[in-house]
Amino acid sequence: MADKAFEHKEWERRLALKNRKVPDPSLPVYRNGDCGEKSQPGTGYCSPECRVGAERLVRADNS
């Protein structure tokens, strides 16, 4: 009987986790698209490497 109750509770827990609403990211940097896409206004880059690459492209365009 205890095993069935445990299995039922475990099933309910998995179902609740599966159906929960994923919270919005707390930091705006995580609102970027995939690596290589432009950042949304007011957000940062997905990684330091992408930031450095974007800065190099801007410097190349300005020279």
PDB file of N, CA and C in Angstrom:
ATOM      1  N   MET A   1       0.821  -1.190   0.000  1.00  0.00           N
ATOM      2  CA  MET A   1       0.000   0.000   0.000  1.00  0.00           C
ATOM      3  C   MET A   1       0.869   1.259   0.000  1.00  0.00           C
ATOM      4  N   ALA A   2       1.940   1.232   0.803  1.00  0.00           N
ATOM      5  CA  ALA A   2       2.831   2.396   0.880  1.00  0.00           C
ATOM      6  C   ALA A   2       3.528   2.632  -0.454  1.00  0.00           C
ATOM      7  N   ASP A   3       3.851   1.538  -1.156  1.00  0.00           N
ATOM      8  CA  ASP A   3       4.502   1.686  -2.457  1.00  0.00           C
ATOM      9  C   ASP A   3       3.588   2.376  -3.461  1.00  0.00           C
ATOM     10  N   LYS A   4       2.305   2.025  -3.445  1.00  0.00           N
ATOM     11  CA  LYS A   4       1.353   2.662  -4.360  1.00  0.00           C
ATOM     12  C   LYS A   4       1.196   4.142  -4.039  1.00  0.00           C
ATOM     13  N   ALA A   5       1.155   4.461  -2.756  1.00  0.00           N
ATOM     14  CA  ALA A   5       1.035   5.864  -2.353  1.00  0.00           C
ATOM     15  C   ALA A   5       2.276   6.640  -2.787  1.00  0.00           C
ATOM     16  N   PHE A   6       3.457   6.034  -2.616  1.00  0.00           N
ATOM     17  CA  PHE A   6       4.691   6.686  -3.037  1.00  0.00           C
ATOM     18  C   PHE A   6       4.702   6.887  -4.548  1.00  0.00           C
ATOM     19  N   GLU A   7       4.322   5.861  -5.293  1.00  0.00           N
ATOM     20  CA  GLU A   7       4.289   5.970  -6.755  1.00  0.00           C
ATOM     21  C   GLU A   7       3.311   7.046  -7.205  1.00  0.00           C
ATOM     22  N   HIS A   8       2.170   7.124  -6.538  1.00  0.00           N
ATOM     23  CA  HIS A   8       1.179   8.141  -6.891  1.00  0.00           C
ATOM     24  C   HIS A   8       1.723   9.543  -6.612  1.00  0.00           C
ATOM     25  N   LYS A   9       2.359   9.735  -5.465  1.00  0.00           N
ATOM     26  CA  LYS A   9       2.951  11.040  -5.127  1.00  0.00           C
ATOM     27  C   LYS A   9       4.047  11.402  -6.129  1.00  0.00           C
ATOM     28  N   GLU A  10       4.852  10.427  -6.492  1.00  0.00           N
ATOM     29  CA  GLU A  10       5.927  10.666  -7.467  1.00  0.00           C
ATOM     30  C   GLU A  10       5.339  11.035  -8.829  1.00  0.00           C
ATOM     31  N   TRP A  11       4.284  10.365  -9.231  1.00  0.00           N
ATOM     32  CA  TRP A  11       3.607  10.675 -10.494  1.00  0.00           C
ATOM     33  C   TRP A  11       3.044  12.098 -10.462  1.00  0.00           C
ATOM     34  N   GLU A  12       2.408  12.479  -9.346  1.00  0.00           N
ATOM     35  CA  GLU A  12       1.875  13.839  -9.207  1.00  0.00           C
ATOM     36  C   GLU A  12       2.987  14.879  -9.276  1.00  0.00           C
ATOM     37  N   ARG A  13       4.115  14.586  -8.641  1.00  0.00           N
ATOM     38  CA  ARG A  13       5.249  15.513  -8.649  1.00  0.00           C
ATOM     39  C   ARG A  13       5.779  15.703 -10.068  1.00  0.00           C
ATOM     40  N   ARG A  14       5.970  14.596 -10.794  1.00  0.00           N
ATOM     41  CA  ARG A  14       6.461  14.691 -12.172  1.00  0.00           C
ATOM     42  C   ARG A  14       5.482  15.438 -13.062  1.00  0.00           C
ATOM     43  N   LEU A  15       4.201  15.197 -12.883  1.00  0.00           N
ATOM     44  CA  LEU A  15       3.177  15.878 -13.665  1.00  0.00           C
ATOM     45  C   LEU A  15       3.180  17.375 -13.371  1.00  0.00           C
ATOM     46  N   ALA A  16       3.307  17.730 -12.102  1.00  0.00           N
ATOM     47  CA  ALA A  16       3.341  19.148 -11.728  1.00  0.00           C
ATOM     48  C   ALA A  16       4.566  19.838 -12.318  1.00  0.00           C
ATOM     49  N   LEU A  17       5.718  19.180 -12.280  1.00  0.00           N
ATOM     50  CA  LEU A  17       6.926  19.769 -12.859  1.00  0.00           C
ATOM     51  C   LEU A  17       6.804  19.919 -14.371  1.00  0.00           C
ATOM     52  N   LYS A  18       6.194  18.933 -15.002  1.00  0.00           N
ATOM     53  CA  LYS A  18       6.039  18.966 -16.458  1.00  0.00           C
ATOM     54  C   LYS A  18       5.108  20.093 -16.897  1.00  0.00           C
ATOM     55  N   ASN A  19       4.093  20.386 -16.097  1.00  0.00           N
ATOM     56  CA  ASN A  19       3.083  21.373 -16.479  1.00  0.00           C
ATOM     57  C   ASN A  19       3.321  22.762 -15.898  1.00  0.00           C
ATOM     58  N   ARG A  20       4.400  22.943 -15.146  1.00  0.00           N
ATOM     59  CA  ARG A  20       4.621  24.258 -14.531  1.00  0.00           C
ATOM     60  C   ARG A  20       5.038  25.285 -15.574  1.00  0.00           C
ATOM     61  N   LYS A  21       4.713  26.537 -15.293  1.00  0.00           N
ATOM     62  CA  LYS A  21       5.117  27.634 -16.168  1.00  0.00           C
ATOM     63  C   LYS A  21       6.575  27.951 -15.873  1.00  0.00           C
ATOM     64  N   VAL A  22       7.374  28.002 -16.906  1.00  0.00           N
ATOM     65  CA  VAL A  22       8.781  28.329 -16.733  1.00  0.00           C
ATOM     66  C   VAL A  22       8.886  29.819 -16.424  1.00  0.00           C
ATOM     67  N   PRO A  23       9.558  30.181 -15.339  1.00  0.00           N
ATOM     68  CA  PRO A  23       9.643  31.600 -14.979  1.00  0.00           C
ATOM     69  C   PRO A  23      10.479  32.386 -15.979  1.00  0.00           C
ATOM     70  N   ASP A  24      10.198  33.685 -16.080  1.00  0.00           N
ATOM     71  CA  ASP A  24      11.001  34.557 -16.927  1.00  0.00           C
ATOM     72  C   ASP A  24      12.407  34.636 -16.357  1.00  0.00           C
ATOM     73  N   PRO A  25      13.403  34.801 -17.215  1.00  0.00           N
ATOM     74  CA  PRO A  25      14.771  34.912 -16.723  1.00  0.00           C
ATOM     75  C   PRO A  25      14.933  36.126 -15.816  1.00  0.00           C
ATOM     76  N   SER A  26      15.738  35.985 -14.781  1.00  0.00           N
ATOM     77  CA  SER A  26      15.929  37.093 -13.849  1.00  0.00           C
ATOM     78  C   SER A  26      16.898  38.131 -14.393  1.00  0.00           C
ATOM     79  N   LEU A  27      17.807  37.719 -15.250  1.00  0.00           N
ATOM     80  CA  LEU A  27      18.773  38.654 -15.821  1.00  0.00           C
ATOM     81  C   LEU A  27      18.487  38.862 -17.305  1.00  0.00           C
ATOM     82  N   PRO A  28      18.578  40.096 -17.779  1.00  0.00           N
ATOM     83  CA  PRO A  28      18.263  40.347 -19.189  1.00  0.00           C
ATOM     84  C   PRO A  28      19.217  39.681 -20.160  1.00  0.00           C
ATOM     85  N   VAL A  29      20.427  39.334 -19.725  1.00  0.00           N
ATOM     86  CA  VAL A  29      21.373  38.717 -20.642  1.00  0.00           C
ATOM     87  C   VAL A  29      20.839  37.381 -21.162  1.00  0.00           C
ATOM     88  N   TYR A  30      20.001  36.709 -20.390  1.00  0.00           N
ATOM     89  CA  TYR A  30      19.461  35.425 -20.820  1.00  0.00           C
ATOM     90  C   TYR A  30      18.301  35.569 -21.789  1.00  0.00           C
ATOM     91  N   ARG A  31      17.896  36.790 -22.097  1.00  0.00           N
ATOM     92  CA  ARG A  31      16.809  36.992 -23.048  1.00  0.00           C
ATOM     93  C   ARG A  31      17.315  37.084 -24.477  1.00  0.00           C
ATOM     94  N   ASN A  32      18.606  36.921 -24.677  1.00  0.00           N
ATOM     95  CA  ASN A  32      19.168  36.946 -26.026  1.00  0.00           C
ATOM     96  C   ASN A  32      18.736  35.704 -26.784  1.00  0.00           C
ATOM     97  N   GLY A  33      18.861  35.791 -28.094  1.00  0.00           N
ATOM     98  CA  GLY A  33      18.589  34.619 -28.919  1.00  0.00           C
ATOM     99  C   GLY A  33      19.772  33.671 -28.865  1.00  0.00           C
ATOM    100  N   ASP A  34      19.868  32.823 -29.849  1.00  0.00           N
ATOM    101  CA  ASP A  34      20.985  31.894 -29.917  1.00  0.00           C
ATOM    102  C   ASP A  34      22.277  32.645 -30.176  1.00  0.00           C
ATOM    103  N   CYS A  35      23.361  31.998 -29.886  1.00  0.00           N
ATOM    104  CA  CYS A  35      24.675  32.597 -30.096  1.00  0.00           C
ATOM    105  C   CYS A  35      24.816  32.999 -31.562  1.00  0.00           C
ATOM    106  N   GLY A  36      25.276  34.201 -31.779  1.00  0.00           N
ATOM    107  CA  GLY A  36      25.447  34.705 -33.133  1.00  0.00           C
ATOM    108  C   GLY A  36      24.334  35.634 -33.559  1.00  0.00           C
ATOM    109  N   GLU A  37      23.188  35.588 -32.881  1.00  0.00           N
ATOM    110  CA  GLU A  37      22.103  36.509 -33.205  1.00  0.00           C
ATOM    111  C   GLU A  37      22.337  37.825 -32.493  1.00  0.00           C
ATOM    112  N   LYS A  38      21.771  38.897 -33.038  1.00  0.00           N
ATOM    113  CA  LYS A  38      21.892  40.197 -32.391  1.00  0.00           C
ATOM    114  C   LYS A  38      21.145  40.172 -31.066  1.00  0.00           C
ATOM    115  N   SER A  39      21.686  40.916 -30.106  1.00  0.00           N
ATOM    116  CA  SER A  39      21.036  41.022 -28.803  1.00  0.00           C
ATOM    117  C   SER A  39      19.813  41.911 -28.907  1.00  0.00           C
ATOM    118  N   GLN A  40      18.833  41.657 -28.073  1.00  0.00           N
ATOM    119  CA  GLN A  40      17.665  42.525 -27.999  1.00  0.00           C
ATOM    120  C   GLN A  40      18.070  43.820 -27.323  1.00  0.00           C
ATOM    121  N   PRO A  41      17.387  44.918 -27.613  1.00  0.00           N
ATOM    122  CA  PRO A  41      17.729  46.195 -26.982  1.00  0.00           C
ATOM    123  C   PRO A  41      17.711  46.085 -25.455  1.00  0.00           C
ATOM    124  N   GLY A  42      18.743  46.630 -24.829  1.00  0.00           N
ATOM    125  CA  GLY A  42      18.815  46.622 -23.374  1.00  0.00           C
ATOM    126  C   GLY A  42      19.361  45.346 -22.769  1.00  0.00           C
ATOM    127  N   THR A  43      19.861  44.440 -23.591  1.00  0.00           N
ATOM    128  CA  THR A  43      20.410  43.196 -23.063  1.00  0.00           C
ATOM    129  C   THR A  43      21.881  43.098 -23.409  1.00  0.00           C
ATOM    130  N   GLY A  44      22.534  42.128 -22.837  1.00  0.00           N
ATOM    131  CA  GLY A  44      23.951  41.916 -23.090  1.00  0.00           C
ATOM    132  C   GLY A  44      24.154  40.838 -24.139  1.00  0.00           C
ATOM    133  N   TYR A  45      25.357  40.328 -24.201  1.00  0.00           N
ATOM    134  CA  TYR A  45      25.697  39.275 -25.158  1.00  0.00           C
ATOM    135  C   TYR A  45      25.566  37.909 -24.504  1.00  0.00           C
ATOM    136  N   CYS A  46      25.468  36.875 -25.320  1.00  0.00           N
ATOM    137  CA  CYS A  46      25.306  35.527 -24.782  1.00  0.00           C
ATOM    138  C   CYS A  46      26.588  35.015 -24.144  1.00  0.00           C
ATOM    139  N   SER A  47      27.737  35.561 -24.544  1.00  0.00           N
ATOM    140  CA  SER A  47      29.007  35.131 -23.965  1.00  0.00           C
ATOM    141  C   SER A  47      30.050  36.221 -24.170  1.00  0.00           C
ATOM    142  N   PRO A  48      31.134  36.187 -23.410  1.00  0.00           N
ATOM    143  CA  PRO A  48      32.203  37.175 -23.615  1.00  0.00           C
ATOM    144  C   PRO A  48      32.796  37.107 -25.018  1.00  0.00           C
ATOM    145  N   GLU A  49      32.867  35.908 -25.580  1.00  0.00           N
ATOM    146  CA  GLU A  49      33.417  35.760 -26.919  1.00  0.00           C
ATOM    147  C   GLU A  49      32.559  36.485 -27.957  1.00  0.00           C
ATOM    148  N   CYS A  50      31.245  36.417 -27.797  1.00  0.00           N
ATOM    149  CA  CYS A  50      30.353  37.114 -28.729  1.00  0.00           C
ATOM    150  C   CYS A  50      30.490  38.628 -28.582  1.00  0.00           C
ATOM    151  N   ARG A  51      30.675  39.105 -27.353  1.00  0.00           N
ATOM    152  CA  ARG A  51      30.850  40.540 -27.129  1.00  0.00           C
ATOM    153  C   ARG A  51      32.122  41.022 -27.813  1.00  0.00           C
ATOM    154  N   VAL A  52      33.225  40.294 -27.637  1.00  0.00           N
ATOM    155  CA  VAL A  52      34.497  40.673 -28.252  1.00  0.00           C
ATOM    156  C   VAL A  52      34.372  40.632 -29.771  1.00  0.00           C
ATOM    157  N   GLY A  53      33.720  39.612 -30.297  1.00  0.00           N
ATOM    158  CA  GLY A  53      33.531  39.515 -31.743  1.00  0.00           C
ATOM    159  C   GLY A  53      32.719  40.676 -32.285  1.00  0.00           C
ATOM    160  N   ALA A  54      31.665  41.063 -31.581  1.00  0.00           N
ATOM    161  CA  ALA A  54      30.832  42.180 -32.026  1.00  0.00           C
ATOM    162  C   ALA A  54      31.611  43.485 -31.971  1.00  0.00           C
ATOM    163  N   GLU A  55      32.425  43.671 -30.931  1.00  0.00           N
ATOM    164  CA  GLU A  55      33.246  44.884 -30.836  1.00  0.00           C
ATOM    165  C   GLU A  55      34.244  44.955 -31.981  1.00  0.00           C
ATOM    166  N   ARG A  56      34.815  43.826 -32.354  1.00  0.00           N
ATOM    167  CA  ARG A  56      35.759  43.800 -33.484  1.00  0.00           C
ATOM    168  C   ARG A  56      35.054  44.162 -34.785  1.00  0.00           C
ATOM    169  N   LEU A  57      33.845  43.661 -34.967  1.00  0.00           N
ATOM    170  CA  LEU A  57      33.097  43.997 -36.186  1.00  0.00           C
ATOM    171  C   LEU A  57      32.784  45.488 -36.246  1.00  0.00           C
ATOM    172  N   VAL A  58      32.420  46.081 -35.123  1.00  0.00           N
ATOM    173  CA  VAL A  58      32.118  47.516 -35.086  1.00  0.00           C
ATOM    174  C   VAL A  58      33.371  48.317 -35.406  1.00  0.00           C
ATOM    175  N   ARG A  59      34.513  47.932 -34.827  1.00  0.00           N
ATOM    176  CA  ARG A  59      35.769  48.643 -35.109  1.00  0.00           C
ATOM    177  C   ARG A  59      36.145  48.506 -36.576  1.00  0.00           C
ATOM    178  N   ALA A  60      35.937  47.331 -37.160  1.00  0.00           N
ATOM    179  CA  ALA A  60      36.265  47.130 -38.573  1.00  0.00           C
ATOM    180  C   ALA A  60      35.364  47.975 -39.463  1.00  0.00           C
ATOM    181  N   ASP A  61      34.088  48.095 -39.100  1.00  0.00           N
ATOM    182  CA  ASP A  61      33.161  48.910 -39.890  1.00  0.00           C
ATOM    183  C   ASP A  61      33.501  50.391 -39.796  1.00  0.00           C
ATOM    184  N   ASN A  62      34.020  50.825 -38.641  1.00  0.00           N
ATOM    185  CA  ASN A  62      34.333  52.239 -38.430  1.00  0.00           C
ATOM    186  C   ASN A  62      35.662  52.647 -39.045  1.00  0.00           C
ATOM    187  N   SER A  63      36.520  51.702 -39.420  1.00  0.00           N
ATOM    188  CA  SER A  63      37.818  52.088 -39.979  1.00  0.00           C
ATOM    189  C   SER A  63      37.847  52.085 -41.474  1.00  0.00           C
TER     190      SER A  63
END
